[in-house]
C-alpha atoms as a PDB file:
ATOM      1  CA  MET A   1     240.714  -6.551   1.054  1.00  0.00           C
ATOM      2  CA  THR A   2     243.816  -4.421   0.540  1.00  0.00           C
ATOM      3  CA  ASP A   3     246.031  -6.902  -1.710  1.00  0.00           C
ATOM      4  CA  ALA A   4     243.968  -7.834  -4.667  1.00  0.00           C
ATOM      5  CA  LEU A   5     243.443  -7.804  -8.126  1.00  0.00           C
ATOM      6  CA  THR A   6     240.606  -6.776 -10.313  1.00  0.00           C
ATOM      7  CA  ILE A   7     239.462  -9.195 -12.746  1.00  0.00           C
ATOM      8  CA  HIS A   8     241.443  -7.735 -15.681  1.00  0.00           C
ATOM      9  CA  GLU A   9     244.652  -7.588 -13.657  1.00  0.00           C
ATOM     10  CA  ALA A  10     244.017 -11.609 -12.392  1.00  0.00           C
ATOM     11  CA  ALA A  11     243.229 -12.489 -16.083  1.00  0.00           C
ATOM     12  CA  GLU A  12     246.681 -10.768 -17.028  1.00  0.00           C
ATOM     13  CA  THR A  13     248.585 -12.589 -14.066  1.00  0.00           C
ATOM     14  CA  THR A  14     246.753 -16.022 -14.464  1.00  0.00           C
ATOM     15  CA  GLY A  15     246.472 -16.439 -18.329  1.00  0.00           C
ATOM     16  CA  TRP A  16     242.655 -17.067 -17.779  1.00  0.00           C
ATOM     17  CA  SER A  17     240.339 -14.500 -19.634  1.00  0.00           C
ATOM     18  CA  PRO A  18     238.100 -12.435 -17.703  1.00  0.00           C
ATOM     19  CA  ARG A  19     235.375 -14.252 -19.466  1.00  0.00           C
ATOM     20  CA  MET A  20     236.814 -17.354 -18.266  1.00  0.00           C
ATOM     21  CA  LEU A  21     237.271 -16.330 -14.702  1.00  0.00           C
ATOM     22  CA  ARG A  22     233.557 -15.466 -14.579  1.00  0.00           C
ATOM     23  CA  TYR A  23     232.939 -18.826 -16.159  1.00  0.00           C
ATOM     24  CA  ILE A  24     235.120 -20.529 -13.370  1.00  0.00           C
ATOM     25  CA  GLU A  25     233.175 -18.711 -10.659  1.00  0.00           C
ATOM     26  CA  ARG A  26     229.790 -19.267 -12.105  1.00  0.00           C
ATOM     27  CA  ASN A  27     230.695 -23.183 -11.927  1.00  0.00           C
ATOM     28  CA  GLY A  28     231.501 -22.740  -8.208  1.00  0.00           C
ATOM     29  CA  LEU A  29     235.238 -23.556  -8.828  1.00  0.00           C
ATOM     30  CA  ILE A  30     236.294 -20.337  -7.154  1.00  0.00           C
ATOM     31  CA  GLU A  31     234.641 -17.273  -5.510  1.00  0.00           C
ATOM     32  CA  PRO A  32     236.413 -14.240  -5.650  1.00  0.00           C
ATOM     33  CA  GLN A  33     235.762 -11.336  -2.840  1.00  0.00           C
ATOM     34  CA  ARG A  34     233.948  -8.595  -3.724  1.00  0.00           C
ATOM     35  CA  SER A  35     234.611  -4.602  -3.240  1.00  0.00           C
ATOM     36  CA  ALA A  36     232.294  -2.412  -1.573  1.00  0.00           C
ATOM     37  CA  ALA A  37     230.940  -1.497  -5.172  1.00  0.00           C
ATOM     38  CA  GLY A  38     230.595  -5.074  -6.220  1.00  0.00           C
ATOM     39  CA  TYR A  39     233.744  -5.618  -8.233  1.00  0.00           C
ATOM     40  CA  ARG A  40     235.445  -8.938  -8.103  1.00  0.00           C
ATOM     41  CA  LEU A  41     238.569  -8.867  -6.239  1.00  0.00           C
ATOM     42  CA  TYR A  42     241.323 -11.815  -6.574  1.00  0.00           C
ATOM     43  CA  GLY A  43     243.860 -11.951  -3.595  1.00  0.00           C
ATOM     44  CA  ALA A  44     246.611 -14.383  -3.092  1.00  0.00           C
ATOM     45  CA  ALA A  45     244.384 -17.168  -2.214  1.00  0.00           C
ATOM     46  CA  GLU A  46     242.336 -16.968  -5.250  1.00  0.00           C
ATOM     47  CA  LEU A  47     245.346 -16.620  -7.575  1.00  0.00           C
ATOM     48  CA  GLN A  48     246.656 -19.832  -5.674  1.00  0.00           C
ATOM     49  CA  ARG A  49     243.413 -21.761  -6.449  1.00  0.00           C
ATOM     50  CA  LEU A  50     243.472 -20.476 -10.194  1.00  0.00           C
ATOM     51  CA  ARG A  51     247.148 -21.621 -10.711  1.00  0.00           C
ATOM     52  CA  THR A  52     246.566 -24.863  -9.140  1.00  0.00           C
ATOM     53  CA  LEU A  53     243.289 -25.514 -11.086  1.00  0.00           C
ATOM     54  CA  LYS A  54     245.462 -24.655 -14.216  1.00  0.00           C
ATOM     55  CA  GLU A  55     248.034 -27.328 -13.019  1.00  0.00           C
ATOM     56  CA  LEU A  56     245.579 -29.942 -12.308  1.00  0.00           C
ATOM     57  CA  LEU A  57     243.896 -29.423 -15.840  1.00  0.00           C
ATOM     58  CA  GLY A  58     247.155 -29.695 -17.280  1.00  0.00           C
ATOM     59  CA  ALA A  59     248.623 -32.615 -15.332  1.00  0.00           C
ATOM     60  CA  ASN A  60     245.558 -34.739 -16.042  1.00  0.00           C
ATOM     61  CA  ASP A  61     244.242 -33.742 -19.564  1.00  0.00           C
ATOM     62  CA  LEU A  62     241.084 -32.528 -17.949  1.00  0.00           C
ATOM     63  CA  GLU A  63     238.601 -29.621 -19.141  1.00  0.00           C
ATOM     64  CA  LEU A  64     237.163 -27.291 -16.789  1.00  0.00           C
ATOM     65  CA  GLY A  65     233.593 -29.033 -17.421  1.00  0.00           C
ATOM     66  CA  ASP A  66     235.416 -32.253 -15.955  1.00  0.00           C
ATOM     67  CA  ILE A  67     236.097 -30.393 -12.838  1.00  0.00           C
ATOM     68  CA  GLY A  68     233.051 -28.746 -12.630  1.00  0.00           C
ATOM     69  CA  PHE A  69     231.241 -32.269 -12.974  1.00  0.00           C
ATOM     70  CA  ALA A  70     233.644 -33.458 -10.143  1.00  0.00           C
ATOM     71  CA  LEU A  71     232.236 -30.849  -8.063  1.00  0.00           C
ATOM     72  CA  ARG A  72     228.566 -31.499  -8.981  1.00  0.00           C
ATOM     73  CA  LEU A  73     229.328 -35.367  -7.619  1.00  0.00           C
ATOM     74  CA  ARG A  74     230.931 -33.833  -4.231  1.00  0.00           C
ATOM     75  CA  ARG A  75     227.883 -31.619  -3.558  1.00  0.00           C
ATOM     76  CA  ASP A  76     225.235 -34.041  -4.707  1.00  0.00           C
ATOM     77  CA  PRO A  77     225.068 -37.299  -2.889  1.00  0.00           C
ATOM     78  CA  ALA A  78     222.141 -38.386  -5.206  1.00  0.00           C
ATOM     79  CA  LEU A  79     223.847 -37.756  -8.497  1.00  0.00           C
ATOM     80  CA  ALA A  80     227.173 -39.464  -7.017  1.00  0.00           C
ATOM     81  CA  GLY A  81     225.277 -42.379  -6.007  1.00  0.00           C
ATOM     82  CA  ALA A  82     223.366 -42.716  -9.604  1.00  0.00           C
ATOM     83  CA  VAL A  83     226.814 -42.346 -11.310  1.00  0.00           C
ATOM     84  CA  GLU A  84     228.265 -45.073  -8.972  1.00  0.00           C
ATOM     85  CA  ALA A  85     225.270 -47.491  -9.495  1.00  0.00           C
ATOM     86  CA  TRP A  86     225.847 -47.102 -13.252  1.00  0.00           C
ATOM     87  CA  PHE A  87     229.611 -47.842 -13.163  1.00  0.00           C
ATOM     88  CA  GLU A  88     228.799 -51.038 -10.776  1.00  0.00           C
ATOM     89  CA  ALA A  89     225.695 -52.356 -12.966  1.00  0.00           C
ATOM     90  CA  ARG A  90     226.173 -54.936 -15.471  1.00  0.00           C
ATOM     91  CA  PRO A  91     223.968 -55.489 -18.411  1.00  0.00           C
ATOM     92  CA  GLU A  92     221.156 -57.960 -17.606  1.00  0.00           C
ATOM     93  CA  ARG A  93     218.241 -59.014 -19.920  1.00  0.00           C
ATOM     94  CA  PRO A  94     214.713 -58.146 -18.390  1.00  0.00           C
ATOM     95  CA  ALA A  95     213.058 -61.558 -16.933  1.00  0.00           C
ATOM     96  CA  ASP A  96     209.967 -60.460 -19.041  1.00  0.00           C
ATOM     97  CA  VAL A  97     212.002 -60.178 -22.325  1.00  0.00           C
ATOM     98  CA  PRO A  98     212.678 -63.156 -24.228  1.00  0.00           C
ATOM     99  CA  ALA A  99     216.722 -63.637 -25.111  1.00  0.00           C
ATOM    100  CA  ASP A 100     215.618 -63.581 -28.784  1.00  0.00           C
ATOM    101  CA  ASN A 101     213.695 -60.183 -28.297  1.00  0.00           C
ATOM    102  CA  TRP A 102     216.322 -58.525 -26.169  1.00  0.00           C
ATOM    103  CA  LEU A 103     218.225 -56.608 -29.197  1.00  0.00           C
ATOM    104  CA  SER A 104     214.783 -55.282 -30.512  1.00  0.00           C
ATOM    105  CA  PHE A 105     213.747 -54.317 -27.134  1.00  0.00           C
ATOM    106  CA  GLU A 106     216.819 -52.433 -26.519  1.00  0.00           C
ATOM    107  CA  GLN A 107     216.580 -50.566 -30.174  1.00  0.00           C
ATOM    108  CA  GLU A 108     212.955 -49.505 -28.968  1.00  0.00           C
ATOM    109  CA  LYS A 109     213.994 -48.316 -25.715  1.00  0.00           C
ATOM    110  CA  HIS A 110     216.927 -46.197 -27.487  1.00  0.00           C
ATOM    111  CA  SER A 111     214.207 -44.952 -30.051  1.00  0.00           C
ATOM    112  CA  ARG A 112     211.968 -43.664 -27.338  1.00  0.00           C
ATOM    113  CA  LEU A 113     215.021 -42.353 -25.511  1.00  0.00           C
ATOM    114  CA  LEU A 114     216.240 -40.312 -28.621  1.00  0.00           C
ATOM    115  CA  ASP A 115     212.645 -39.045 -29.314  1.00  0.00           C
ATOM    116  CA  ALA A 116     212.192 -37.768 -25.904  1.00  0.00           C
ATOM    117  CA  VAL A 117     215.549 -35.885 -26.168  1.00  0.00           C
ATOM    118  CA  ARG A 118     214.580 -34.533 -29.567  1.00  0.00           C
ATOM    119  CA  ALA A 119     211.434 -33.463 -28.243  1.00  0.00           C
ATOM    120  CA  ARG A 120     213.149 -31.508 -25.348  1.00  0.00           C
ATOM    121  CA  GLN A 121     215.382 -29.847 -27.920  1.00  0.00           C
ATOM    122  CA  THR A 122     212.842 -28.796 -30.533  1.00  0.00           C
ATOM    123  CA  PRO A 123     212.307 -25.082 -30.116  1.00  0.00           C
ATOM    124  CA  THR A 124     208.431 -24.381 -29.602  1.00  0.00           C
ATOM    125  CA  PRO A 125     207.248 -22.364 -32.686  1.00  0.00           C
ATOM    126  CA  THR A 126     206.025 -18.973 -31.710  1.00  0.00           C
ATOM    127  CA  THR A 127     202.817 -17.461 -33.002  1.00  0.00           C
ATOM    128  CA  SER A 128     203.314 -14.182 -34.527  1.00  0.00           C
ATOM    129  CA  THR A 129     200.623 -11.652 -34.477  1.00  0.00           C
ATOM    130  CA  GLU A 130     202.260  -9.411 -36.937  1.00  0.00           C
ATOM    131  CA  THR A 131     201.232  -9.277 -40.437  1.00  0.00           C
ATOM    132  CA  ALA A 132     203.465  -9.151 -43.490  1.00  0.00           C
END
């Protein structure tokens, strides 16, 4: 590639920081070319994608994470199907749960879900072999 900008030149041109350009690349939204030495190179095509990405975000009040999720939906049919099923689903009391117990049933389900989320977030304590 002959006509291309380095990441710092591209950052200056686009208004994205070099760190943000790496983030955009890491999330699969753009794939800059590489020099023989492995440096990112941004040509006209990449600059256009960055400009139109910024326009897309601004015109629709979106964040990069929104576009990253949209990309995941495009690439992962199972995820797209699960999201679509959630949109289409209507609340329905399980057949084995009496109407009077539905609220408490849902509260218990939420409680177990939150416990599972907390368990995944709690760092595992490490044992130290050092003595004070």
